[in-house]
Amino acid sequence: MERQHAGIVAVITMSPEKVQSGGAPVFIVKDNKELQTIGMTLEKIMDAAAHEIDAKTLVIVAH
């Protein structure tokens, strides 16, 4: 069986103080509506999945 690797391709957050850049682009948003909109758009563009880290942060993961 072939082993699959997942990688974080983007981070979207309303709490920039909790995110350290390096490796993946970080998108800073102002409210929950923008968080969800950017997350959904990046999911489609990157053919990836959004995962909620907390109420203010999403990561986009390519599987």
C-alpha atoms as a PDB file:
ATOM      1  CA  MET A   1       0.000   0.000   0.000  1.00  0.00           C
ATOM      2  CA  GLU A   2       1.320   3.419  -0.982  1.00  0.00           C
ATOM      3  CA  ARG A   3       1.745   5.880   1.851  1.00  0.00           C
ATOM      4  CA  GLN A   4      -0.024   9.220   1.401  1.00  0.00           C
ATOM      5  CA  HIS A   5       1.324  12.488   2.746  1.00  0.00           C
ATOM      6  CA  ALA A   6      -0.719  15.493   3.795  1.00  0.00           C
ATOM      7  CA  GLY A   7       0.626  19.005   3.969  1.00  0.00           C
ATOM      8  CA  ILE A   8      -0.611  22.374   5.167  1.00  0.00           C
ATOM      9  CA  VAL A   9      -0.808  24.628   2.128  1.00  0.00           C
ATOM     10  CA  ALA A  10      -2.381  27.709   3.778  1.00  0.00           C
ATOM     11  CA  VAL A  11      -3.492  29.148   7.118  1.00  0.00           C
ATOM     12  CA  ILE A  12      -6.416  31.558   7.517  1.00  0.00           C
ATOM     13  CA  THR A  13      -6.824  33.340  10.832  1.00  0.00           C
ATOM     14  CA  MET A  14      -8.450  36.171  12.752  1.00  0.00           C
ATOM     15  CA  SER A  15      -5.675  35.845  15.383  1.00  0.00           C
ATOM     16  CA  PRO A  16      -2.371  36.660  13.671  1.00  0.00           C
ATOM     17  CA  GLU A  17      -0.578  36.764  17.031  1.00  0.00           C
ATOM     18  CA  LYS A  18      -1.107  32.986  17.346  1.00  0.00           C
ATOM     19  CA  VAL A  19       0.389  32.111  13.939  1.00  0.00           C
ATOM     20  CA  GLN A  20       4.045  31.944  13.012  1.00  0.00           C
ATOM     21  CA  SER A  21       4.741  32.137   9.305  1.00  0.00           C
ATOM     22  CA  GLY A  22       7.018  29.702   7.563  1.00  0.00           C
ATOM     23  CA  GLY A  23       6.233  27.200   4.868  1.00  0.00           C
ATOM     24  CA  ALA A  24       2.606  28.081   4.149  1.00  0.00           C
ATOM     25  CA  PRO A  25       0.990  31.412   3.302  1.00  0.00           C
ATOM     26  CA  VAL A  26      -0.968  33.038   6.140  1.00  0.00           C
ATOM     27  CA  PHE A  27      -4.166  34.925   5.304  1.00  0.00           C
ATOM     28  CA  ILE A  28      -5.301  37.357   8.006  1.00  0.00           C
ATOM     29  CA  VAL A  29      -9.030  38.089   7.971  1.00  0.00           C
ATOM     30  CA  LYS A  30     -11.240  40.458   9.948  1.00  0.00           C
ATOM     31  CA  ASP A  31     -14.332  38.364  10.720  1.00  0.00           C
ATOM     32  CA  ASN A  32     -15.881  34.891  10.617  1.00  0.00           C
ATOM     33  CA  LYS A  33     -17.636  35.505   7.293  1.00  0.00           C
ATOM     34  CA  GLU A  34     -14.327  36.343   5.604  1.00  0.00           C
ATOM     35  CA  LEU A  35     -12.668  33.353   7.335  1.00  0.00           C
ATOM     36  CA  GLN A  36     -15.259  30.981   5.863  1.00  0.00           C
ATOM     37  CA  THR A  37     -15.275  32.628   2.421  1.00  0.00           C
ATOM     38  CA  ILE A  38     -11.482  32.561   2.025  1.00  0.00           C
ATOM     39  CA  GLY A  39     -11.346  29.004   3.400  1.00  0.00           C
ATOM     40  CA  MET A  40     -13.961  27.735   0.955  1.00  0.00           C
ATOM     41  CA  THR A  41     -12.315  29.528  -1.975  1.00  0.00           C
ATOM     42  CA  LEU A  42      -8.865  28.120  -1.183  1.00  0.00           C
ATOM     43  CA  GLU A  43     -10.344  24.615  -0.797  1.00  0.00           C
ATOM     44  CA  LYS A  44     -11.667  24.801  -4.346  1.00  0.00           C
ATOM     45  CA  ILE A  45      -8.590  26.419  -5.892  1.00  0.00           C
ATOM     46  CA  MET A  46      -6.113  24.025  -4.270  1.00  0.00           C
ATOM     47  CA  ASP A  47      -8.298  20.921  -4.399  1.00  0.00           C
ATOM     48  CA  ALA A  48      -7.693  20.583  -0.658  1.00  0.00           C
ATOM     49  CA  ALA A  49      -9.659  20.422   2.601  1.00  0.00           C
ATOM     50  CA  ALA A  50     -10.231  23.097   5.259  1.00  0.00           C
ATOM     51  CA  HIS A  51      -9.824  22.047   8.884  1.00  0.00           C
ATOM     52  CA  GLU A  52     -10.816  24.193  11.863  1.00  0.00           C
ATOM     53  CA  ILE A  53      -8.058  24.573  14.439  1.00  0.00           C
ATOM     54  CA  ASP A  54     -10.213  26.826  16.612  1.00  0.00           C
ATOM     55  CA  ALA A  55     -13.067  29.277  16.046  1.00  0.00           C
ATOM     56  CA  LYS A  56     -10.654  31.838  14.594  1.00  0.00           C
ATOM     57  CA  THR A  57      -8.237  29.695  12.558  1.00  0.00           C
ATOM     58  CA  LEU A  58      -8.498  27.315   9.592  1.00  0.00           C
ATOM     59  CA  VAL A  59      -5.762  25.345   7.879  1.00  0.00           C
ATOM     60  CA  ILE A  60      -5.999  24.192   4.288  1.00  0.00           C
ATOM     61  CA  VAL A  61      -4.545  20.700   3.894  1.00  0.00           C
ATOM     62  CA  ALA A  62      -3.672  18.936   0.652  1.00  0.00           C
ATOM     63  CA  HIS A  63      -4.046  15.156   1.011  1.00  0.00           C
END
